[in-house]
Amino acid sequence: MMQEIYARGPIACGVSVPDSLMTYTGGIYCDTTGNVAIDHDISVVGWGEDPITLEKFWTVRNSWGTHWGENGFFRVCRGVNNIAIESDCAWTTPKDTWTIPVKHITT
């Protein structure tokens, strides 16, 4: 996940949404219910580590608007598959079709 984000930017991941995530207002979110039933998609845009607690986290962009969380983003603990964030991710590697103009042939 880190390598892909570093090389080409955000990736899409499925996550579970426990009730406590709905009322998240800030900080590093770590669900304690063990919920891993994926029912929502988000974008993982980066990662970090709290300078005081040294807790590792993913930086996530959500689709619920800027009024939610940390201006529409949240941080979730990293390395433990919390809310299934590390189990169902997808990305693509784009093919360069702009350096040399390539016309697509369609039927």
C-alpha atoms as a PDB file:
ATOM      1  CA  MET A   1       0.000   0.000   0.000  1.00  0.00           C
ATOM      2  CA  MET A   2       2.736   2.444   0.959  1.00  0.00           C
ATOM      3  CA  GLN A   3       4.791   1.748  -2.135  1.00  0.00           C
ATOM      4  CA  GLU A   4       1.829   2.321  -4.449  1.00  0.00           C
ATOM      5  CA  ILE A   5       0.721   5.517  -2.687  1.00  0.00           C
ATOM      6  CA  TYR A   6       4.294   6.838  -2.775  1.00  0.00           C
ATOM      7  CA  ALA A   7       4.720   6.007  -6.472  1.00  0.00           C
ATOM      8  CA  ARG A   8       1.355   7.024  -7.931  1.00  0.00           C
ATOM      9  CA  GLY A   9      -0.926   8.539  -5.290  1.00  0.00           C
ATOM     10  CA  PRO A  10      -4.117   7.517  -3.485  1.00  0.00           C
ATOM     11  CA  ILE A  11      -5.565   4.000  -3.590  1.00  0.00           C
ATOM     12  CA  ALA A  12      -9.152   2.831  -3.083  1.00  0.00           C
ATOM     13  CA  CYS A  13      -9.908   0.528  -0.160  1.00  0.00           C
ATOM     14  CA  GLY A  14     -13.021  -1.012   1.294  1.00  0.00           C
ATOM     15  CA  VAL A  15     -13.611  -0.605   5.032  1.00  0.00           C
ATOM     16  CA  SER A  16     -16.179  -1.555   7.623  1.00  0.00           C
ATOM     17  CA  VAL A  17     -18.065   1.273   9.311  1.00  0.00           C
ATOM     18  CA  PRO A  18     -18.665   0.627  13.003  1.00  0.00           C
ATOM     19  CA  ASP A  19     -21.077   3.020  14.742  1.00  0.00           C
ATOM     20  CA  SER A  20     -18.173   4.792  16.441  1.00  0.00           C
ATOM     21  CA  LEU A  21     -16.723   5.811  13.070  1.00  0.00           C
ATOM     22  CA  MET A  22     -19.926   7.689  12.251  1.00  0.00           C
ATOM     23  CA  THR A  23     -19.306  10.018  15.211  1.00  0.00           C
ATOM     24  CA  TYR A  24     -15.513  10.349  14.725  1.00  0.00           C
ATOM     25  CA  THR A  25     -14.274  13.899  15.240  1.00  0.00           C
ATOM     26  CA  GLY A  26     -10.491  13.522  15.291  1.00  0.00           C
ATOM     27  CA  GLY A  27      -7.435  11.605  16.419  1.00  0.00           C
ATOM     28  CA  ILE A  28      -6.194   8.188  15.387  1.00  0.00           C
ATOM     29  CA  TYR A  29      -9.210   5.912  15.073  1.00  0.00           C
ATOM     30  CA  CYS A  30      -8.810   2.318  16.281  1.00  0.00           C
ATOM     31  CA  ASP A  31     -12.002   0.281  16.347  1.00  0.00           C
ATOM     32  CA  THR A  32     -12.237  -2.127  19.264  1.00  0.00           C
ATOM     33  CA  THR A  33     -15.269  -4.143  18.079  1.00  0.00           C
ATOM     34  CA  GLY A  34     -13.335  -6.216  15.538  1.00  0.00           C
ATOM     35  CA  ASN A  35     -15.821  -5.292  12.798  1.00  0.00           C
ATOM     36  CA  VAL A  36     -14.356  -6.275   9.393  1.00  0.00           C
ATOM     37  CA  ALA A  37     -17.558  -6.466   7.337  1.00  0.00           C
ATOM     38  CA  ILE A  38     -16.676  -4.158   4.436  1.00  0.00           C
ATOM     39  CA  ASP A  39     -19.540  -1.821   3.554  1.00  0.00           C
ATOM     40  CA  HIS A  40     -17.903   1.457   2.464  1.00  0.00           C
ATOM     41  CA  ASP A  41     -15.130   2.633   0.112  1.00  0.00           C
ATOM     42  CA  ILE A  42     -12.533   5.282   0.920  1.00  0.00           C
ATOM     43  CA  SER A  43      -9.236   6.600  -0.466  1.00  0.00           C
ATOM     44  CA  VAL A  44      -6.030   6.004   1.445  1.00  0.00           C
ATOM     45  CA  VAL A  45      -3.917   9.062   0.666  1.00  0.00           C
ATOM     46  CA  GLY A  46      -0.934   8.643   2.972  1.00  0.00           C
ATOM     47  CA  TRP A  47       0.476   7.395   6.239  1.00  0.00           C
ATOM     48  CA  GLY A  48       2.266   8.689   9.297  1.00  0.00           C
ATOM     49  CA  GLU A  49       3.250   8.177  12.894  1.00  0.00           C
ATOM     50  CA  ASP A  50       2.155  10.200  15.912  1.00  0.00           C
ATOM     51  CA  PRO A  51       5.273  12.009  17.164  1.00  0.00           C
ATOM     52  CA  ILE A  52       4.338  11.548  20.832  1.00  0.00           C
ATOM     53  CA  THR A  53       2.767   8.073  21.030  1.00  0.00           C
ATOM     54  CA  LEU A  54       4.616   6.662  17.986  1.00  0.00           C
ATOM     55  CA  GLU A  55       1.307   5.085  16.912  1.00  0.00           C
ATOM     56  CA  LYS A  56       1.306   4.346  13.164  1.00  0.00           C
ATOM     57  CA  PHE A  57      -1.693   5.385  11.058  1.00  0.00           C
ATOM     58  CA  TRP A  58      -3.147   5.609   7.563  1.00  0.00           C
ATOM     59  CA  THR A  59      -4.428   8.994   6.359  1.00  0.00           C
ATOM     60  CA  VAL A  60      -7.825   8.476   4.729  1.00  0.00           C
ATOM     61  CA  ARG A  61     -10.085  10.680   2.602  1.00  0.00           C
ATOM     62  CA  ASN A  62     -13.743   9.930   3.196  1.00  0.00           C
ATOM     63  CA  SER A  63     -16.767  10.896   1.096  1.00  0.00           C
ATOM     64  CA  TRP A  64     -18.949  12.243   3.908  1.00  0.00           C
ATOM     65  CA  GLY A  65     -18.020  15.913   3.471  1.00  0.00           C
ATOM     66  CA  THR A  66     -15.702  18.340   5.217  1.00  0.00           C
ATOM     67  CA  HIS A  67     -18.009  18.699   8.238  1.00  0.00           C
ATOM     68  CA  TRP A  68     -17.117  15.126   9.267  1.00  0.00           C
ATOM     69  CA  GLY A  69     -13.905  13.993  10.942  1.00  0.00           C
ATOM     70  CA  GLU A  70     -10.754  16.004  10.354  1.00  0.00           C
ATOM     71  CA  ASN A  71     -12.082  18.184   7.531  1.00  0.00           C
ATOM     72  CA  GLY A  72     -13.389  15.127   5.644  1.00  0.00           C
ATOM     73  CA  PHE A  73     -10.337  12.991   6.432  1.00  0.00           C
ATOM     74  CA  PHE A  74      -9.523  10.570   9.224  1.00  0.00           C
ATOM     75  CA  ARG A  75      -6.555   8.662  10.555  1.00  0.00           C
ATOM     76  CA  VAL A  76      -6.866   4.943  11.276  1.00  0.00           C
ATOM     77  CA  CYS A  77      -4.316   2.729  13.036  1.00  0.00           C
ATOM     78  CA  ARG A  78      -1.942   1.080  10.597  1.00  0.00           C
ATOM     79  CA  GLY A  79      -0.516  -2.436  10.492  1.00  0.00           C
ATOM     80  CA  VAL A  80      -3.363  -4.290  12.235  1.00  0.00           C
ATOM     81  CA  ASN A  81      -6.017  -4.301   9.478  1.00  0.00           C
ATOM     82  CA  ASN A  82      -8.321  -2.189  11.632  1.00  0.00           C
ATOM     83  CA  ILE A  83     -11.790  -1.890  10.031  1.00  0.00           C
ATOM     84  CA  ALA A  84     -10.400  -4.186   7.282  1.00  0.00           C
ATOM     85  CA  ILE A  85      -8.558  -1.253   5.693  1.00  0.00           C
ATOM     86  CA  GLU A  86      -5.576  -3.394   4.676  1.00  0.00           C
ATOM     87  CA  SER A  87      -7.499  -6.299   3.170  1.00  0.00           C
ATOM     88  CA  ASP A  88      -9.429  -4.984   0.151  1.00  0.00           C
ATOM     89  CA  CYS A  89      -7.572  -2.282  -1.796  1.00  0.00           C
ATOM     90  CA  ALA A  90      -7.278  -1.572  -5.508  1.00  0.00           C
ATOM     91  CA  TRP A  91      -5.261   0.667  -7.806  1.00  0.00           C
ATOM     92  CA  THR A  92      -4.199   0.844 -11.393  1.00  0.00           C
ATOM     93  CA  THR A  93      -1.029   1.573 -13.296  1.00  0.00           C
ATOM     94  CA  PRO A  94      -1.951   3.848 -16.200  1.00  0.00           C
ATOM     95  CA  LYS A  95      -0.604   3.086 -19.657  1.00  0.00           C
ATOM     96  CA  ASP A  96       1.250   6.002 -21.269  1.00  0.00           C
ATOM     97  CA  THR A  97      -0.872   6.902 -24.295  1.00  0.00           C
ATOM     98  CA  TRP A  98      -0.030  10.608 -24.319  1.00  0.00           C
ATOM     99  CA  THR A  99       3.750  10.757 -24.978  1.00  0.00           C
ATOM    100  CA  ILE A 100       3.312   9.299 -28.445  1.00  0.00           C
ATOM    101  CA  PRO A 101      -0.210   9.937 -29.742  1.00  0.00           C
ATOM    102  CA  VAL A 102      -2.039   6.615 -29.979  1.00  0.00           C
ATOM    103  CA  LYS A 103      -5.463   6.365 -31.549  1.00  0.00           C
ATOM    104  CA  HIS A 104      -7.780   3.829 -30.054  1.00  0.00           C
ATOM    105  CA  ILE A 105      -9.508   1.605 -32.591  1.00  0.00           C
ATOM    106  CA  THR A 106     -13.069   0.789 -31.634  1.00  0.00           C
ATOM    107  CA  THR A 107     -15.680  -1.193 -33.454  1.00  0.00           C
END
